[in-house]
Amino acid sequence: MTRSSRIPLLIAGGGIGGLATALAVSRTGRPVHVLERAPDFTELGAGLQLAPNALRVFQRLGILEEIDKHAFYPRRLVMMDMLAGEEITSLELGARFLAHYKFPYWVMHRGDLLNVEVAACRASNLITLESNKEIVEIEDLPGGVRATCSDGSVYECDALVGADGLHSTIRKMITIDNAPVCSEYVAYRGTAPIGQIPQRPGLDTTARRNRASGTKSTRRCTNCPPAEWPTMS
């Protein structure tokens, strides 16, 4: 099916970055349309670290408190020597950190973050989400762009944002794009039930609080609750 209609802003890619962009645009009162090539808006991968600067952005987008329901609060960051296995340095993430940066430091699963963004986008009447839409061709128009998808659908827009990941199709269409260069530094990450983690000194560094039930899985950090966070204008 072929469809062509003028869209103010079209975003290629419905991942964390693409949906954050859609939410930011919608907060200005402008409509935005997101195309995702996968069958659904889902996120692969494992953990994600969110520093205070990221939390400031999420507060501006109006989703910080919802993300907080899924977040873990590390007590400290530890830098280790890869070969010797010895601690190099550490950073406490408690009251002094919060007083300086005004926001805490979180870790969470990428899928939980994306689910919050998807729900916020679907709740907005300014954001349209479409999956199974892979852009295969783009064409410059006077004052805009025409994007054609693999299923034959056509979208004309004032502007197109490529948020389709490391191997971006959009980037390859607009510039000379060499293959990514591997740094040869690799980090292996995964998830495991907390009950299967052996007890040893130094591992009591993460706390999670469930604001809905008031329960917590480990000792709670000294970070203050969202109600005490600053209001960003």
C-alpha atoms as a PDB file:
ATOM      1  CA  MET A   1       0.000   0.000   0.000  1.00  0.00           C
ATOM      2  CA  THR A   2       1.321   3.428  -0.910  1.00  0.00           C
ATOM      3  CA  ARG A   3       0.578   6.399   1.268  1.00  0.00           C
ATOM      4  CA  SER A   4       1.957   9.913   0.973  1.00  0.00           C
ATOM      5  CA  SER A   5       1.134  12.707   3.415  1.00  0.00           C
ATOM      6  CA  ARG A   6       3.085  15.661   4.737  1.00  0.00           C
ATOM      7  CA  ILE A   7       4.495  15.144   8.230  1.00  0.00           C
ATOM      8  CA  PRO A   8       6.252  17.957  10.131  1.00  0.00           C
ATOM      9  CA  LEU A   9       8.904  15.653  11.650  1.00  0.00           C
ATOM     10  CA  LEU A  10       9.654  12.014  10.828  1.00  0.00           C
ATOM     11  CA  ILE A  11      11.962   9.929  13.038  1.00  0.00           C
ATOM     12  CA  ALA A  12      13.562   6.761  11.713  1.00  0.00           C
ATOM     13  CA  GLY A  13      14.185   4.453  14.668  1.00  0.00           C
ATOM     14  CA  GLY A  14      12.036   3.666  17.683  1.00  0.00           C
ATOM     15  CA  GLY A  15      14.751   2.910  20.226  1.00  0.00           C
ATOM     16  CA  ILE A  16      15.647   4.831  23.362  1.00  0.00           C
ATOM     17  CA  GLY A  17      17.098   7.780  21.436  1.00  0.00           C
ATOM     18  CA  GLY A  18      14.365   7.966  18.834  1.00  0.00           C
ATOM     19  CA  LEU A  19      11.537   7.931  21.357  1.00  0.00           C
ATOM     20  CA  ALA A  20      13.296  10.435  23.609  1.00  0.00           C
ATOM     21  CA  THR A  21      13.519  12.724  20.581  1.00  0.00           C
ATOM     22  CA  ALA A  22       9.811  12.235  19.883  1.00  0.00           C
ATOM     23  CA  LEU A  23       8.903  13.095  23.478  1.00  0.00           C
ATOM     24  CA  ALA A  24      11.115  16.191  23.408  1.00  0.00           C
ATOM     25  CA  VAL A  25       9.490  17.463  20.207  1.00  0.00           C
ATOM     26  CA  SER A  26       5.987  16.775  21.490  1.00  0.00           C
ATOM     27  CA  ARG A  27       6.712  18.853  24.602  1.00  0.00           C
ATOM     28  CA  THR A  28       6.998  21.873  22.292  1.00  0.00           C
ATOM     29  CA  GLY A  29       3.494  21.240  20.954  1.00  0.00           C
ATOM     30  CA  ARG A  30       4.619  19.873  17.592  1.00  0.00           C
ATOM     31  CA  PRO A  31       3.416  16.548  16.113  1.00  0.00           C
ATOM     32  CA  VAL A  32       5.990  13.848  15.376  1.00  0.00           C
ATOM     33  CA  HIS A  33       5.867  10.484  13.570  1.00  0.00           C
ATOM     34  CA  VAL A  34       8.164   7.552  14.463  1.00  0.00           C
ATOM     35  CA  LEU A  35       8.921   4.614  12.149  1.00  0.00           C
ATOM     36  CA  GLU A  36      10.507   1.436  13.563  1.00  0.00           C
ATOM     37  CA  ARG A  37      11.666  -1.355  11.264  1.00  0.00           C
ATOM     38  CA  ALA A  38      11.215  -4.111  13.888  1.00  0.00           C
ATOM     39  CA  PRO A  39       7.806  -5.748  14.431  1.00  0.00           C
ATOM     40  CA  ASP A  40       7.440  -4.031  17.799  1.00  0.00           C
ATOM     41  CA  PHE A  41       9.023  -1.338  19.946  1.00  0.00           C
ATOM     42  CA  THR A  42      11.325  -3.506  22.059  1.00  0.00           C
ATOM     43  CA  GLU A  43      14.889  -3.171  23.338  1.00  0.00           C
ATOM     44  CA  LEU A  44      17.612  -5.805  23.304  1.00  0.00           C
ATOM     45  CA  GLY A  45      20.630  -5.704  25.587  1.00  0.00           C
ATOM     46  CA  ALA A  46      21.307  -5.616  29.271  1.00  0.00           C
ATOM     47  CA  GLY A  47      22.048  -2.875  31.770  1.00  0.00           C
ATOM     48  CA  LEU A  48      22.252   0.870  31.300  1.00  0.00           C
ATOM     49  CA  GLN A  49      23.925   3.468  33.516  1.00  0.00           C
ATOM     50  CA  LEU A  50      22.116   6.785  33.903  1.00  0.00           C
ATOM     51  CA  ALA A  51      24.118   9.694  35.292  1.00  0.00           C
ATOM     52  CA  PRO A  52      22.555  12.908  36.697  1.00  0.00           C
ATOM     53  CA  ASN A  53      22.691  14.694  33.327  1.00  0.00           C
ATOM     54  CA  ALA A  54      20.464  11.971  31.822  1.00  0.00           C
ATOM     55  CA  LEU A  55      17.995  12.220  34.700  1.00  0.00           C
ATOM     56  CA  ARG A  56      17.701  15.974  34.126  1.00  0.00           C
ATOM     57  CA  VAL A  57      16.596  15.240  30.563  1.00  0.00           C
ATOM     58  CA  PHE A  58      14.069  12.629  31.674  1.00  0.00           C
ATOM     59  CA  GLN A  59      12.588  15.108  34.118  1.00  0.00           C
ATOM     60  CA  ARG A  60      12.156  17.622  31.294  1.00  0.00           C
ATOM     61  CA  LEU A  61      10.424  14.880  29.281  1.00  0.00           C
ATOM     62  CA  GLY A  62       8.031  14.208  32.152  1.00  0.00           C
ATOM     63  CA  ILE A  63       8.951  10.533  32.637  1.00  0.00           C
ATOM     64  CA  LEU A  64      11.456  10.620  35.512  1.00  0.00           C
ATOM     65  CA  GLU A  65       9.123   9.410  38.253  1.00  0.00           C
ATOM     66  CA  GLU A  66       7.907   6.499  36.109  1.00  0.00           C
ATOM     67  CA  ILE A  67      11.485   5.467  35.339  1.00  0.00           C
ATOM     68  CA  ASP A  68      12.260   5.637  39.067  1.00  0.00           C
ATOM     69  CA  LYS A  69       9.947   2.663  39.634  1.00  0.00           C
ATOM     70  CA  HIS A  70      12.390   0.454  37.711  1.00  0.00           C
ATOM     71  CA  ALA A  71      15.693   1.984  38.801  1.00  0.00           C
ATOM     72  CA  PHE A  72      18.453   0.661  41.042  1.00  0.00           C
ATOM     73  CA  TYR A  73      20.507   2.993  43.199  1.00  0.00           C
ATOM     74  CA  PRO A  74      24.214   2.075  43.345  1.00  0.00           C
ATOM     75  CA  ARG A  75      25.891   3.017  46.617  1.00  0.00           C
ATOM     76  CA  ARG A  76      29.216   3.603  44.855  1.00  0.00           C
ATOM     77  CA  LEU A  77      31.145   3.118  41.623  1.00  0.00           C
ATOM     78  CA  VAL A  78      34.285   1.001  41.788  1.00  0.00           C
ATOM     79  CA  MET A  79      37.105   1.102  39.218  1.00  0.00           C
ATOM     80  CA  MET A  80      39.121  -2.131  39.138  1.00  0.00           C
ATOM     81  CA  ASP A  81      42.428  -3.099  37.563  1.00  0.00           C
ATOM     82  CA  MET A  82      41.516  -5.611  34.855  1.00  0.00           C
ATOM     83  CA  LEU A  83      44.673  -7.688  35.205  1.00  0.00           C
ATOM     84  CA  ALA A  84      45.459  -7.453  38.914  1.00  0.00           C
ATOM     85  CA  GLY A  85      41.838  -7.508  40.095  1.00  0.00           C
ATOM     86  CA  GLU A  86      42.617  -4.726  42.573  1.00  0.00           C
ATOM     87  CA  GLU A  87      40.554  -1.622  43.282  1.00  0.00           C
ATOM     88  CA  ILE A  88      41.974   1.523  41.688  1.00  0.00           C
ATOM     89  CA  THR A  89      39.478   4.039  43.008  1.00  0.00           C
ATOM     90  CA  SER A  90      35.821   4.412  43.924  1.00  0.00           C
ATOM     91  CA  LEU A  91      33.149   7.096  43.924  1.00  0.00           C
ATOM     92  CA  GLU A  92      30.502   7.308  46.635  1.00  0.00           C
ATOM     93  CA  LEU A  93      27.030   8.068  45.245  1.00  0.00           C
ATOM     94  CA  GLY A  94      25.274   9.086  48.438  1.00  0.00           C
ATOM     95  CA  ALA A  95      24.360  12.403  50.010  1.00  0.00           C
ATOM     96  CA  ARG A  96      27.432  14.408  48.909  1.00  0.00           C
ATOM     97  CA  PHE A  97      27.043  13.249  45.303  1.00  0.00           C
ATOM     98  CA  LEU A  98      23.357  14.179  45.314  1.00  0.00           C
ATOM     99  CA  ALA A  99      24.014  17.558  46.920  1.00  0.00           C
ATOM    100  CA  HIS A 100      26.556  18.411  44.219  1.00  0.00           C
ATOM    101  CA  TYR A 101      24.765  17.124  41.101  1.00  0.00           C
ATOM    102  CA  LYS A 102      21.155  17.511  42.347  1.00  0.00           C
ATOM    103  CA  PHE A 103      20.171  14.143  40.848  1.00  0.00           C
ATOM    104  CA  PRO A 104      21.192  10.563  41.744  1.00  0.00           C
ATOM    105  CA  TYR A 105      22.984   7.917  39.687  1.00  0.00           C
ATOM    106  CA  TRP A 106      20.858   5.034  38.426  1.00  0.00           C
ATOM    107  CA  VAL A 107      21.302   1.686  36.732  1.00  0.00           C
ATOM    108  CA  MET A 108      18.479  -0.219  35.055  1.00  0.00           C
ATOM    109  CA  HIS A 109      17.630  -2.592  32.227  1.00  0.00           C
ATOM    110  CA  ARG A 110      17.378  -1.011  28.795  1.00  0.00           C
ATOM    111  CA  GLY A 111      14.050  -2.725  28.166  1.00  0.00           C
ATOM    112  CA  ASP A 112      12.491  -1.115  31.251  1.00  0.00           C
ATOM    113  CA  LEU A 113      13.570   2.345  30.096  1.00  0.00           C
ATOM    114  CA  LEU A 114      12.229   1.814  26.590  1.00  0.00           C
ATOM    115  CA  ASN A 115       8.896   0.524  27.927  1.00  0.00           C
ATOM    116  CA  VAL A 116       8.443   3.747  29.891  1.00  0.00           C
ATOM    117  CA  GLU A 117       9.191   5.806  26.781  1.00  0.00           C
ATOM    118  CA  VAL A 118       6.816   3.755  24.633  1.00  0.00           C
ATOM    119  CA  ALA A 119       3.983   4.205  27.148  1.00  0.00           C
ATOM    120  CA  ALA A 120       4.596   7.956  27.315  1.00  0.00           C
ATOM    121  CA  CYS A 121       4.615   8.242  23.520  1.00  0.00           C
ATOM    122  CA  ARG A 122       1.392   6.263  23.173  1.00  0.00           C
ATOM    123  CA  ALA A 123      -0.249   8.491  25.784  1.00  0.00           C
ATOM    124  CA  SER A 124       0.518  11.604  23.710  1.00  0.00           C
ATOM    125  CA  ASN A 125      -1.874  12.699  20.980  1.00  0.00           C
ATOM    126  CA  LEU A 126       1.051  14.413  19.237  1.00  0.00           C
ATOM    127  CA  ILE A 127       3.095  11.236  18.689  1.00  0.00           C
ATOM    128  CA  THR A 128       2.358   8.513  16.124  1.00  0.00           C
ATOM    129  CA  LEU A 129       4.221   5.203  16.378  1.00  0.00           C
ATOM    130  CA  GLU A 130       4.429   2.708  13.517  1.00  0.00           C
ATOM    131  CA  SER A 131       6.379  -0.561  13.517  1.00  0.00           C
ATOM    132  CA  ASN A 132       7.372  -2.835  10.610  1.00  0.00           C
ATOM    133  CA  LYS A 133       8.405   0.279   8.665  1.00  0.00           C
ATOM    134  CA  GLU A 134      11.917   0.137   7.229  1.00  0.00           C
ATOM    135  CA  ILE A 135      13.034   3.172   5.230  1.00  0.00           C
ATOM    136  CA  VAL A 136      14.936   2.061   2.129  1.00  0.00           C
ATOM    137  CA  GLU A 137      15.143   5.317   0.185  1.00  0.00           C
ATOM    138  CA  ILE A 138      15.131   9.025   0.935  1.00  0.00           C
ATOM    139  CA  GLU A 139      14.847  11.894  -1.527  1.00  0.00           C
ATOM    140  CA  ASP A 140      15.457  15.610  -1.052  1.00  0.00           C
ATOM    141  CA  LEU A 141      12.446  17.774  -1.875  1.00  0.00           C
ATOM    142  CA  PRO A 142      12.103  21.551  -1.957  1.00  0.00           C
ATOM    143  CA  GLY A 143      11.695  22.277   1.750  1.00  0.00           C
ATOM    144  CA  GLY A 144      11.505  18.677   2.850  1.00  0.00           C
ATOM    145  CA  VAL A 145      12.220  14.971   2.435  1.00  0.00           C
ATOM    146  CA  ARG A 146      10.439  11.995   0.889  1.00  0.00           C
ATOM    147  CA  ALA A 147      11.015   8.626   2.592  1.00  0.00           C
ATOM    148  CA  THR A 148      10.045   5.322   0.979  1.00  0.00           C
ATOM    149  CA  CYS A 149       9.670   2.140   3.032  1.00  0.00           C
ATOM    150  CA  SER A 150      10.252  -1.466   2.028  1.00  0.00           C
ATOM    151  CA  ASP A 151       6.485  -2.103   1.969  1.00  0.00           C
ATOM    152  CA  GLY A 152       5.972   0.675  -0.587  1.00  0.00           C
ATOM    153  CA  SER A 153       4.556   3.273   1.812  1.00  0.00           C
ATOM    154  CA  VAL A 154       5.775   6.817   1.243  1.00  0.00           C
ATOM    155  CA  TYR A 155       6.113   9.647   3.756  1.00  0.00           C
ATOM    156  CA  GLU A 156       6.802  13.284   2.981  1.00  0.00           C
ATOM    157  CA  CYS A 157       8.106  15.383   5.849  1.00  0.00           C
ATOM    158  CA  ASP A 158       9.591  18.766   6.634  1.00  0.00           C
ATOM    159  CA  ALA A 159      12.527  17.108   8.408  1.00  0.00           C
ATOM    160  CA  LEU A 160      13.842  13.577   8.943  1.00  0.00           C
ATOM    161  CA  VAL A 161      15.813  12.445  11.994  1.00  0.00           C
ATOM    162  CA  GLY A 162      17.933   9.311  11.704  1.00  0.00           C
ATOM    163  CA  ALA A 163      17.881   7.516  15.068  1.00  0.00           C
ATOM    164  CA  ASP A 164      18.306   4.018  13.678  1.00  0.00           C
ATOM    165  CA  GLY A 165      21.371   2.898  15.568  1.00  0.00           C
ATOM    166  CA  LEU A 166      25.033   2.096  15.026  1.00  0.00           C
ATOM    167  CA  HIS A 167      24.461   0.604  11.562  1.00  0.00           C
ATOM    168  CA  SER A 168      22.199   3.473  10.520  1.00  0.00           C
ATOM    169  CA  THR A 169      20.545   3.185   7.126  1.00  0.00           C
ATOM    170  CA  ILE A 170      19.749   6.904   7.099  1.00  0.00           C
ATOM    171  CA  ARG A 171      23.354   7.873   7.755  1.00  0.00           C
ATOM    172  CA  LYS A 172      24.552   5.760   4.840  1.00  0.00           C
ATOM    173  CA  MET A 173      22.107   7.557   2.552  1.00  0.00           C
ATOM    174  CA  ILE A 174      23.277  11.060   3.370  1.00  0.00           C
ATOM    175  CA  THR A 175      27.030  10.722   3.881  1.00  0.00           C
ATOM    176  CA  ILE A 176      30.026   8.496   3.203  1.00  0.00           C
ATOM    177  CA  ASP A 177      29.766   6.071   6.065  1.00  0.00           C
ATOM    178  CA  ASN A 178      32.658   3.730   6.727  1.00  0.00           C
ATOM    179  CA  ALA A 179      32.215   0.602   8.784  1.00  0.00           C
ATOM    180  CA  PRO A 180      32.462   1.087  12.572  1.00  0.00           C
ATOM    181  CA  VAL A 181      35.961   0.596  13.952  1.00  0.00           C
ATOM    182  CA  CYS A 182      36.196  -1.897  16.802  1.00  0.00           C
ATOM    183  CA  SER A 183      38.174  -0.508  19.745  1.00  0.00           C
ATOM    184  CA  GLU A 184      39.010  -4.084  20.812  1.00  0.00           C
ATOM    185  CA  TYR A 185      37.870  -3.295  24.352  1.00  0.00           C
ATOM    186  CA  VAL A 186      35.017  -5.639  25.236  1.00  0.00           C
ATOM    187  CA  ALA A 187      32.713  -5.685  28.261  1.00  0.00           C
ATOM    188  CA  TYR A 188      30.632  -8.788  28.938  1.00  0.00           C
ATOM    189  CA  ARG A 189      27.421  -8.127  30.815  1.00  0.00           C
ATOM    190  CA  GLY A 190      24.446 -10.168  31.863  1.00  0.00           C
ATOM    191  CA  THR A 191      21.719 -10.568  34.444  1.00  0.00           C
ATOM    192  CA  ALA A 192      21.308 -13.068  37.298  1.00  0.00           C
ATOM    193  CA  PRO A 193      18.771 -13.557  40.119  1.00  0.00           C
ATOM    194  CA  ILE A 194      20.005 -11.706  43.205  1.00  0.00           C
ATOM    195  CA  GLY A 195      19.598 -14.879  45.272  1.00  0.00           C
ATOM    196  CA  GLN A 196      22.274 -16.592  43.193  1.00  0.00           C
ATOM    197  CA  ILE A 197      24.885 -13.898  43.804  1.00  0.00           C
ATOM    198  CA  PRO A 198      27.436 -15.085  46.412  1.00  0.00           C
ATOM    199  CA  GLN A 199      27.758 -13.013  49.569  1.00  0.00           C
ATOM    200  CA  ARG A 200      31.138 -11.327  49.816  1.00  0.00           C
ATOM    201  CA  PRO A 201      32.512  -8.023  51.104  1.00  0.00           C
ATOM    202  CA  GLY A 202      32.095  -5.141  48.676  1.00  0.00           C
ATOM    203  CA  LEU A 203      29.041  -6.461  46.864  1.00  0.00           C
ATOM    204  CA  ASP A 204      26.514  -4.551  48.961  1.00  0.00           C
ATOM    205  CA  THR A 205      26.713  -1.609  46.573  1.00  0.00           C
ATOM    206  CA  THR A 206      23.285  -1.564  44.947  1.00  0.00           C
ATOM    207  CA  ALA A 207      19.884  -0.740  46.382  1.00  0.00           C
ATOM    208  CA  ARG A 208      16.472  -0.828  44.789  1.00  0.00           C
ATOM    209  CA  ARG A 209      13.351   0.714  46.148  1.00  0.00           C
ATOM    210  CA  ASN A 210       9.833  -0.021  45.024  1.00  0.00           C
ATOM    211  CA  ARG A 211       7.892   3.194  45.451  1.00  0.00           C
ATOM    212  CA  ALA A 212       4.562   1.455  44.879  1.00  0.00           C
ATOM    213  CA  SER A 213       4.926  -1.029  47.754  1.00  0.00           C
ATOM    214  CA  GLY A 214       7.549   0.732  49.822  1.00  0.00           C
ATOM    215  CA  THR A 215       9.723  -2.400  49.866  1.00  0.00           C
ATOM    216  CA  LYS A 216      13.412  -2.635  49.061  1.00  0.00           C
ATOM    217  CA  SER A 217      15.627  -5.539  48.070  1.00  0.00           C
ATOM    218  CA  THR A 218      18.844  -4.387  49.779  1.00  0.00           C
ATOM    219  CA  ARG A 219      19.916  -1.515  51.981  1.00  0.00           C
ATOM    220  CA  ARG A 220      18.532   1.735  50.644  1.00  0.00           C
ATOM    221  CA  CYS A 221      20.938   4.433  49.522  1.00  0.00           C
ATOM    222  CA  THR A 222      21.003   7.825  51.146  1.00  0.00           C
ATOM    223  CA  ASN A 223      19.574   9.472  48.019  1.00  0.00           C
ATOM    224  CA  CYS A 224      16.501  11.594  48.587  1.00  0.00           C
ATOM    225  CA  PRO A 225      13.104  10.791  46.985  1.00  0.00           C
ATOM    226  CA  PRO A 226      11.923  12.380  43.710  1.00  0.00           C
ATOM    227  CA  ALA A 227       9.753  14.905  45.559  1.00  0.00           C
ATOM    228  CA  GLU A 228      12.938  16.596  46.786  1.00  0.00           C
ATOM    229  CA  TRP A 229      14.596  16.784  43.372  1.00  0.00           C
ATOM    230  CA  PRO A 230      14.840  20.237  41.772  1.00  0.00           C
ATOM    231  CA  THR A 231      12.219  21.388  39.308  1.00  0.00           C
ATOM    232  CA  MET A 232      13.767  22.080  35.903  1.00  0.00           C
ATOM    233  CA  SER A 233      12.326  24.988  33.936  1.00  0.00           C
END
